[in-house]
Amino acid sequence: MTMEKSKDSFELYSDQILSLAADIPLIERLIRPDITVTKRSTLCGSIVTIDLVMKSGIITAYSHDVKACALGQASASILARDIIGKTGVQIVTVRNSVAQMLSGSIYSPTIFPDYQVLSPASQFKNRHESILLTLNATVEAIETIINTT
């Protein structure tokens, strides 16, 4: 049983996840975002602040400040690599799909395919909140913008 847990932990912190965590794009804060949202994980203390600009439902500018574990950093990195040009609906779909993946489902969207590398974390519930932190902050920002326009 111990060897199996070690294997799971190894998969959880794979080279690909650590590489994503080490190379987070879009870290320069925006000067005039439409909205800034900060979220903190109650379980691990991870904290993210995102800046977002949307025009006609499309994300045109994004940045984030990420103080999180390697899994939270990897998740933030995956999102930031391809968020510009995506719609709010697409980001909500991705967030919901990642949450479902962490509950044991297969990640199905064709956008942001690297989220699949975080699927071993489904076995570690205490890591889910950190992985979802940047996605939840971004969805909150999108919903706030949509509901105020």
N, C-alpha and C. Protein backbone atom coordinates (compact mmCIF):
# COMPACT_ATOMS: atom_id res chain seq x y z
N MET A 1 0.82 -1.19 0.00
CA MET A 1 0.00 0.00 0.00
C MET A 1 0.86 1.26 0.00
N THR A 2 1.93 1.28 0.77
CA THR A 2 2.80 2.45 0.83
C THR A 2 3.43 2.72 -0.53
N MET A 3 3.86 1.66 -1.23
CA MET A 3 4.47 1.87 -2.54
C MET A 3 3.47 2.45 -3.51
N GLU A 4 2.24 2.03 -3.42
CA GLU A 4 1.21 2.57 -4.31
C GLU A 4 1.00 4.06 -4.04
N LYS A 5 0.98 4.45 -2.77
CA LYS A 5 0.83 5.86 -2.44
C LYS A 5 2.01 6.67 -2.96
N SER A 6 3.22 6.13 -2.84
CA SER A 6 4.40 6.83 -3.35
C SER A 6 4.29 7.02 -4.85
N LYS A 7 3.83 6.00 -5.54
CA LYS A 7 3.65 6.09 -7.00
C LYS A 7 2.62 7.18 -7.32
N ASP A 8 1.51 7.20 -6.59
CA ASP A 8 0.50 8.23 -6.81
C ASP A 8 1.07 9.62 -6.57
N SER A 9 1.83 9.78 -5.50
CA SER A 9 2.43 11.08 -5.21
C SER A 9 3.40 11.48 -6.30
N PHE A 10 4.15 10.50 -6.82
CA PHE A 10 5.09 10.78 -7.91
C PHE A 10 4.33 11.27 -9.14
N GLU A 11 3.24 10.58 -9.49
CA GLU A 11 2.43 10.99 -10.63
C GLU A 11 1.82 12.37 -10.40
N LEU A 12 1.48 12.66 -9.16
CA LEU A 12 0.87 13.93 -8.83
C LEU A 12 1.84 15.08 -9.11
N TYR A 13 3.11 14.85 -8.87
CA TYR A 13 4.13 15.88 -9.12
C TYR A 13 5.04 15.46 -10.26
N SER A 14 4.45 15.16 -11.39
CA SER A 14 5.20 14.72 -12.57
C SER A 14 6.08 15.85 -13.09
N ASP A 15 7.05 15.49 -13.92
CA ASP A 15 7.93 16.49 -14.54
C ASP A 15 7.12 17.52 -15.32
N GLN A 16 6.04 17.07 -15.98
CA GLN A 16 5.23 17.99 -16.77
C GLN A 16 4.52 19.00 -15.87
N ILE A 17 4.01 18.56 -14.74
CA ILE A 17 3.35 19.47 -13.79
C ILE A 17 4.37 20.45 -13.22
N LEU A 18 5.53 19.95 -12.84
CA LEU A 18 6.56 20.83 -12.27
C LEU A 18 7.07 21.82 -13.32
N SER A 19 7.15 21.40 -14.56
CA SER A 19 7.56 22.30 -15.64
C SER A 19 6.53 23.41 -15.85
N LEU A 20 5.26 23.05 -15.85
CA LEU A 20 4.20 24.05 -15.97
C LEU A 20 4.25 25.04 -14.81
N ALA A 21 4.46 24.53 -13.61
CA ALA A 21 4.49 25.37 -12.41
C ALA A 21 5.67 26.34 -12.44
N ALA A 22 6.74 25.94 -13.07
CA ALA A 22 7.95 26.76 -13.10
C ALA A 22 7.91 27.84 -14.18
N ASP A 23 6.95 27.77 -15.08
CA ASP A 23 6.91 28.70 -16.21
C ASP A 23 5.50 29.27 -16.37
N ILE A 24 5.12 30.15 -15.46
CA ILE A 24 3.78 30.73 -15.47
C ILE A 24 3.79 32.02 -16.29
N PRO A 25 3.03 32.06 -17.39
CA PRO A 25 2.97 33.29 -18.19
C PRO A 25 1.98 34.31 -17.62
N LEU A 26 2.02 35.51 -18.16
CA LEU A 26 1.08 36.60 -17.87
C LEU A 26 1.09 37.01 -16.40
N ILE A 27 2.28 37.18 -15.85
CA ILE A 27 2.38 37.55 -14.43
C ILE A 27 2.50 39.06 -14.21
N GLU A 28 2.64 39.84 -15.28
CA GLU A 28 2.67 41.30 -15.15
C GLU A 28 1.25 41.80 -14.92
N ARG A 29 1.03 42.45 -13.79
CA ARG A 29 -0.32 42.95 -13.46
C ARG A 29 -0.78 43.96 -14.51
N LEU A 30 -2.07 43.95 -14.80
CA LEU A 30 -2.65 44.90 -15.76
C LEU A 30 -2.81 46.26 -15.10
N ILE A 31 -2.59 47.30 -15.88
CA ILE A 31 -2.70 48.66 -15.35
C ILE A 31 -4.16 49.06 -15.14
N ARG A 32 -5.03 48.73 -16.12
CA ARG A 32 -6.45 49.10 -16.02
C ARG A 32 -7.34 47.90 -16.32
N PRO A 33 -7.41 46.95 -15.42
CA PRO A 33 -8.31 45.80 -15.66
C PRO A 33 -9.77 46.21 -15.50
N ASP A 34 -10.63 45.48 -16.14
CA ASP A 34 -12.07 45.67 -15.90
C ASP A 34 -12.42 45.22 -14.49
N ILE A 35 -11.68 44.21 -14.00
CA ILE A 35 -11.94 43.67 -12.68
C ILE A 35 -10.69 42.98 -12.15
N THR A 36 -10.55 43.01 -10.85
CA THR A 36 -9.51 42.27 -10.14
C THR A 36 -10.20 41.41 -9.09
N VAL A 37 -9.85 40.14 -9.03
CA VAL A 37 -10.43 39.22 -8.05
C VAL A 37 -9.29 38.50 -7.34
N THR A 38 -9.38 38.46 -6.02
CA THR A 38 -8.42 37.70 -5.21
C THR A 38 -9.17 36.58 -4.50
N LYS A 39 -8.61 35.39 -4.56
CA LYS A 39 -9.20 34.23 -3.88
C LYS A 39 -8.11 33.52 -3.08
N ARG A 40 -8.53 32.98 -1.95
CA ARG A 40 -7.61 32.26 -1.06
C ARG A 40 -8.19 30.88 -0.77
N SER A 41 -7.32 29.88 -0.79
CA SER A 41 -7.72 28.53 -0.44
C SER A 41 -7.77 28.41 1.08
N THR A 42 -8.91 27.95 1.59
CA THR A 42 -9.04 27.77 3.04
C THR A 42 -8.24 26.56 3.53
N LEU A 43 -7.99 25.61 2.64
CA LEU A 43 -7.27 24.40 3.04
C LEU A 43 -5.77 24.59 3.14
N CYS A 44 -5.18 25.25 2.13
CA CYS A 44 -3.72 25.30 2.08
C CYS A 44 -3.15 26.72 2.17
N GLY A 45 -4.00 27.72 2.09
CA GLY A 45 -3.51 29.10 2.17
C GLY A 45 -3.04 29.67 0.84
N SER A 46 -3.14 28.91 -0.24
CA SER A 46 -2.79 29.45 -1.56
C SER A 46 -3.63 30.68 -1.83
N ILE A 47 -3.05 31.63 -2.56
CA ILE A 47 -3.77 32.86 -2.88
C ILE A 47 -3.45 33.26 -4.32
N VAL A 48 -4.49 33.66 -5.04
CA VAL A 48 -4.32 34.16 -6.39
C VAL A 48 -5.07 35.47 -6.55
N THR A 49 -4.50 36.34 -7.33
CA THR A 49 -5.16 37.58 -7.72
C THR A 49 -5.12 37.62 -9.24
N ILE A 50 -6.28 37.78 -9.85
CA ILE A 50 -6.34 37.85 -11.31
C ILE A 50 -6.87 39.22 -11.74
N ASP A 51 -6.34 39.70 -12.85
CA ASP A 51 -6.82 40.91 -13.51
C ASP A 51 -7.38 40.46 -14.85
N LEU A 52 -8.52 41.04 -15.23
CA LEU A 52 -9.20 40.59 -16.44
C LEU A 52 -9.80 41.77 -17.19
N VAL A 53 -9.69 41.71 -18.52
CA VAL A 53 -10.35 42.66 -19.41
C VAL A 53 -11.12 41.84 -20.43
N MET A 54 -12.40 42.19 -20.61
CA MET A 54 -13.24 41.52 -21.61
C MET A 54 -13.88 42.56 -22.52
N LYS A 55 -13.99 42.21 -23.78
CA LYS A 55 -14.71 43.02 -24.77
C LYS A 55 -15.64 42.10 -25.53
N SER A 56 -16.92 42.42 -25.52
CA SER A 56 -17.93 41.63 -26.24
C SER A 56 -17.88 40.15 -25.87
N GLY A 57 -17.68 39.86 -24.59
CA GLY A 57 -17.68 38.48 -24.11
C GLY A 57 -16.40 37.71 -24.33
N ILE A 58 -15.37 38.38 -24.89
CA ILE A 58 -14.10 37.72 -25.17
C ILE A 58 -13.01 38.31 -24.27
N ILE A 59 -12.17 37.45 -23.73
CA ILE A 59 -11.08 37.88 -22.87
C ILE A 59 -9.98 38.48 -23.74
N THR A 60 -9.70 39.77 -23.51
CA THR A 60 -8.70 40.46 -24.32
C THR A 60 -7.41 40.73 -23.56
N ALA A 61 -7.47 40.69 -22.23
CA ALA A 61 -6.25 40.86 -21.42
C ALA A 61 -6.45 40.12 -20.10
N TYR A 62 -5.35 39.57 -19.59
CA TYR A 62 -5.41 38.76 -18.38
C TYR A 62 -4.04 38.77 -17.74
N SER A 63 -4.04 38.81 -16.43
CA SER A 63 -2.80 38.60 -15.69
C SER A 63 -3.15 37.99 -14.34
N HIS A 64 -2.13 37.48 -13.68
CA HIS A 64 -2.39 36.89 -12.37
C HIS A 64 -1.13 36.92 -11.52
N ASP A 65 -1.36 36.95 -10.22
CA ASP A 65 -0.31 36.81 -9.22
C ASP A 65 -0.66 35.53 -8.47
N VAL A 66 0.21 34.55 -8.52
CA VAL A 66 -0.10 33.22 -8.00
C VAL A 66 0.89 32.85 -6.89
N LYS A 67 0.35 32.65 -5.72
CA LYS A 67 1.14 32.16 -4.59
C LYS A 67 0.47 30.85 -4.15
N ALA A 68 0.93 29.77 -4.75
CA ALA A 68 0.26 28.48 -4.54
C ALA A 68 1.27 27.35 -4.63
N CYS A 69 0.81 26.16 -4.30
CA CYS A 69 1.63 24.95 -4.43
C CYS A 69 1.86 24.67 -5.92
N ALA A 70 2.68 23.67 -6.19
CA ALA A 70 3.00 23.34 -7.58
C ALA A 70 1.75 23.02 -8.40
N LEU A 71 0.76 22.37 -7.79
CA LEU A 71 -0.46 22.03 -8.53
C LEU A 71 -1.26 23.29 -8.87
N GLY A 72 -1.38 24.20 -7.92
CA GLY A 72 -2.07 25.46 -8.18
C GLY A 72 -1.33 26.29 -9.21
N GLN A 73 -0.01 26.28 -9.15
CA GLN A 73 0.80 27.01 -10.13
C GLN A 73 0.65 26.40 -11.52
N ALA A 74 0.66 25.07 -11.60
CA ALA A 74 0.49 24.40 -12.89
C ALA A 74 -0.87 24.73 -13.50
N SER A 75 -1.91 24.71 -12.68
CA SER A 75 -3.25 25.04 -13.15
C SER A 75 -3.29 26.48 -13.69
N ALA A 76 -2.70 27.40 -12.94
CA ALA A 76 -2.67 28.80 -13.37
C ALA A 76 -1.89 28.95 -14.67
N SER A 77 -0.81 28.21 -14.79
CA SER A 77 0.01 28.26 -16.00
C SER A 77 -0.76 27.75 -17.22
N ILE A 78 -1.47 26.65 -17.06
CA ILE A 78 -2.26 26.09 -18.16
C ILE A 78 -3.29 27.10 -18.63
N LEU A 79 -3.99 27.73 -17.69
CA LEU A 79 -5.02 28.70 -18.05
C LEU A 79 -4.41 29.90 -18.76
N ALA A 80 -3.32 30.44 -18.22
CA ALA A 80 -2.74 31.66 -18.77
C ALA A 80 -2.14 31.46 -20.16
N ARG A 81 -1.71 30.26 -20.47
CA ARG A 81 -1.08 30.01 -21.77
C ARG A 81 -2.02 30.25 -22.95
N ASP A 82 -3.33 30.14 -22.73
CA ASP A 82 -4.24 30.19 -23.87
C ASP A 82 -5.55 30.92 -23.58
N ILE A 83 -5.60 31.74 -22.53
CA ILE A 83 -6.86 32.36 -22.16
C ILE A 83 -7.25 33.53 -23.06
N ILE A 84 -6.27 34.26 -23.57
CA ILE A 84 -6.57 35.42 -24.40
C ILE A 84 -7.30 34.96 -25.67
N GLY A 85 -8.43 35.59 -25.95
CA GLY A 85 -9.24 35.24 -27.12
C GLY A 85 -10.35 34.25 -26.83
N LYS A 86 -10.35 33.69 -25.63
CA LYS A 86 -11.41 32.76 -25.26
C LYS A 86 -12.63 33.53 -24.75
N THR A 87 -13.79 32.90 -24.84
CA THR A 87 -15.01 33.52 -24.33
C THR A 87 -15.19 33.16 -22.86
N GLY A 88 -16.01 33.95 -22.20
CA GLY A 88 -16.35 33.64 -20.82
C GLY A 88 -17.00 32.28 -20.70
N VAL A 89 -17.86 31.94 -21.65
CA VAL A 89 -18.53 30.64 -21.63
C VAL A 89 -17.52 29.51 -21.71
N GLN A 90 -16.50 29.66 -22.55
CA GLN A 90 -15.47 28.63 -22.67
C GLN A 90 -14.73 28.42 -21.35
N ILE A 91 -14.42 29.52 -20.67
CA ILE A 91 -13.68 29.42 -19.40
C ILE A 91 -14.56 28.76 -18.32
N VAL A 92 -15.83 29.11 -18.28
CA VAL A 92 -16.75 28.46 -17.33
C VAL A 92 -16.82 26.96 -17.62
N THR A 93 -16.89 26.59 -18.89
CA THR A 93 -16.94 25.17 -19.28
C THR A 93 -15.67 24.45 -18.85
N VAL A 94 -14.52 25.08 -19.03
CA VAL A 94 -13.25 24.47 -18.64
C VAL A 94 -13.21 24.29 -17.12
N ARG A 95 -13.60 25.33 -16.37
CA ARG A 95 -13.61 25.22 -14.91
C ARG A 95 -14.50 24.06 -14.46
N ASN A 96 -15.69 23.97 -15.03
CA ASN A 96 -16.61 22.89 -14.66
C ASN A 96 -16.04 21.52 -15.04
N SER A 97 -15.36 21.45 -16.18
CA SER A 97 -14.77 20.19 -16.62
C SER A 97 -13.60 19.77 -15.73
N VAL A 98 -12.80 20.74 -15.28
CA VAL A 98 -11.70 20.42 -14.37
C VAL A 98 -12.27 19.92 -13.04
N ALA A 99 -13.32 20.58 -12.54
CA ALA A 99 -13.95 20.13 -11.30
C ALA A 99 -14.48 18.70 -11.45
N GLN A 100 -15.10 18.40 -12.59
CA GLN A 100 -15.60 17.04 -12.83
C GLN A 100 -14.45 16.04 -12.94
N MET A 101 -13.35 16.46 -13.57
CA MET A 101 -12.18 15.60 -13.69
C MET A 101 -11.64 15.26 -12.29
N LEU A 102 -11.61 16.25 -11.41
CA LEU A 102 -11.12 16.02 -10.05
C LEU A 102 -12.06 15.12 -9.26
N SER A 103 -13.30 14.99 -9.73
CA SER A 103 -14.26 14.07 -9.11
C SER A 103 -14.24 12.69 -9.76
N GLY A 104 -13.33 12.50 -10.72
CA GLY A 104 -13.17 11.18 -11.32
C GLY A 104 -13.56 11.06 -12.77
N SER A 105 -14.13 12.10 -13.36
CA SER A 105 -14.50 12.04 -14.78
C SER A 105 -13.27 12.30 -15.66
N ILE A 106 -13.43 12.09 -16.94
CA ILE A 106 -12.36 12.37 -17.90
C ILE A 106 -12.51 13.82 -18.35
N TYR A 107 -11.39 14.52 -18.47
CA TYR A 107 -11.42 15.89 -18.96
C TYR A 107 -11.73 15.84 -20.45
N SER A 108 -12.82 16.49 -20.87
CA SER A 108 -13.28 16.33 -22.25
C SER A 108 -13.12 17.54 -23.17
N PRO A 109 -13.04 18.78 -22.69
CA PRO A 109 -12.93 19.88 -23.65
C PRO A 109 -11.66 19.77 -24.50
N THR A 110 -11.74 20.25 -25.72
CA THR A 110 -10.56 20.23 -26.59
C THR A 110 -9.65 21.43 -26.32
N ILE A 111 -10.18 22.45 -25.64
CA ILE A 111 -9.33 23.58 -25.28
C ILE A 111 -8.66 23.30 -23.93
N PHE A 112 -7.50 23.87 -23.74
CA PHE A 112 -6.71 23.67 -22.51
C PHE A 112 -6.49 22.18 -22.21
N PRO A 113 -6.03 21.40 -23.19
CA PRO A 113 -5.88 19.95 -22.99
C PRO A 113 -4.88 19.58 -21.89
N ASP A 114 -3.96 20.49 -21.55
CA ASP A 114 -2.97 20.17 -20.52
C ASP A 114 -3.59 19.96 -19.14
N TYR A 115 -4.84 20.37 -18.94
CA TYR A 115 -5.47 20.10 -17.64
C TYR A 115 -5.52 18.59 -17.35
N GLN A 116 -5.46 17.77 -18.38
CA GLN A 116 -5.48 16.32 -18.18
C GLN A 116 -4.30 15.86 -17.32
N VAL A 117 -3.17 16.58 -17.36
CA VAL A 117 -2.01 16.14 -16.56
C VAL A 117 -2.27 16.25 -15.07
N LEU A 118 -3.30 17.01 -14.69
CA LEU A 118 -3.65 17.15 -13.27
C LEU A 118 -4.64 16.08 -12.80
N SER A 119 -5.03 15.17 -13.68
CA SER A 119 -6.03 14.16 -13.31
C SER A 119 -5.59 13.26 -12.15
N PRO A 120 -4.29 12.95 -11.95
CA PRO A 120 -3.94 12.14 -10.77
C PRO A 120 -4.35 12.80 -9.45
N ALA A 121 -4.55 14.10 -9.45
CA ALA A 121 -4.95 14.80 -8.23
C ALA A 121 -6.38 14.46 -7.80
N SER A 122 -7.11 13.77 -8.65
CA SER A 122 -8.48 13.38 -8.27
C SER A 122 -8.47 12.54 -7.00
N GLN A 123 -7.38 11.86 -6.73
CA GLN A 123 -7.27 11.01 -5.55
C GLN A 123 -6.88 11.79 -4.29
N PHE A 124 -6.59 13.06 -4.45
CA PHE A 124 -6.13 13.88 -3.34
C PHE A 124 -7.06 15.08 -3.16
N LYS A 125 -8.18 14.88 -2.47
CA LYS A 125 -9.20 15.93 -2.32
C LYS A 125 -8.64 17.22 -1.73
N ASN A 126 -7.63 17.11 -0.89
CA ASN A 126 -7.06 18.31 -0.28
C ASN A 126 -6.31 19.17 -1.28
N ARG A 127 -6.12 18.71 -2.50
CA ARG A 127 -5.45 19.49 -3.55
C ARG A 127 -6.43 20.13 -4.53
N HIS A 128 -7.68 19.72 -4.50
CA HIS A 128 -8.66 20.19 -5.49
C HIS A 128 -8.84 21.71 -5.43
N GLU A 129 -8.97 22.26 -4.24
CA GLU A 129 -9.23 23.69 -4.10
C GLU A 129 -8.09 24.52 -4.70
N SER A 130 -6.86 24.09 -4.50
CA SER A 130 -5.72 24.82 -5.05
C SER A 130 -5.72 24.77 -6.57
N ILE A 131 -6.02 23.61 -7.13
CA ILE A 131 -6.07 23.46 -8.59
C ILE A 131 -7.16 24.34 -9.19
N LEU A 132 -8.29 24.45 -8.51
CA LEU A 132 -9.42 25.22 -9.02
C LEU A 132 -9.35 26.71 -8.69
N LEU A 133 -8.40 27.12 -7.87
CA LEU A 133 -8.37 28.48 -7.36
C LEU A 133 -8.34 29.54 -8.47
N THR A 134 -7.41 29.44 -9.39
CA THR A 134 -7.31 30.43 -10.47
C THR A 134 -8.53 30.37 -11.38
N LEU A 135 -8.99 29.16 -11.66
CA LEU A 135 -10.20 29.02 -12.49
C LEU A 135 -11.40 29.64 -11.80
N ASN A 136 -11.57 29.40 -10.51
CA ASN A 136 -12.70 29.98 -9.78
C ASN A 136 -12.62 31.50 -9.73
N ALA A 137 -11.43 32.04 -9.52
CA ALA A 137 -11.27 33.50 -9.50
C ALA A 137 -11.61 34.09 -10.87
N THR A 138 -11.18 33.42 -11.91
CA THR A 138 -11.43 33.91 -13.27
C THR A 138 -12.92 33.84 -13.61
N VAL A 139 -13.57 32.74 -13.24
CA VAL A 139 -15.02 32.60 -13.49
C VAL A 139 -15.78 33.67 -12.69
N GLU A 140 -15.38 33.91 -11.45
CA GLU A 140 -16.03 34.96 -10.66
C GLU A 140 -15.88 36.33 -11.35
N ALA A 141 -14.71 36.60 -11.88
CA ALA A 141 -14.48 37.87 -12.60
C ALA A 141 -15.35 37.95 -13.84
N ILE A 142 -15.41 36.89 -14.60
CA ILE A 142 -16.22 36.85 -15.82
C ILE A 142 -17.70 37.07 -15.47
N GLU A 143 -18.20 36.35 -14.49
CA GLU A 143 -19.62 36.48 -14.11
C GLU A 143 -19.93 37.87 -13.60
N THR A 144 -19.01 38.47 -12.86
CA THR A 144 -19.22 39.84 -12.38
C THR A 144 -19.29 40.82 -13.53
N ILE A 145 -18.39 40.69 -14.48
CA ILE A 145 -18.40 41.58 -15.66
C ILE A 145 -19.70 41.41 -16.44
N ILE A 146 -20.09 40.16 -16.68
CA ILE A 146 -21.31 39.88 -17.45
C ILE A 146 -22.54 40.44 -16.73
N ASN A 147 -22.59 40.28 -15.42
CA ASN A 147 -23.76 40.73 -14.65
C ASN A 147 -23.82 42.23 -14.42
N THR A 148 -22.74 42.95 -14.70
CA THR A 148 -22.75 44.41 -14.52
C THR A 148 -22.81 45.16 -15.84
N THR A 149 -22.86 44.44 -16.95
CA THR A 149 -22.95 45.14 -18.24
C THR A 149 -24.31 45.00 -18.86
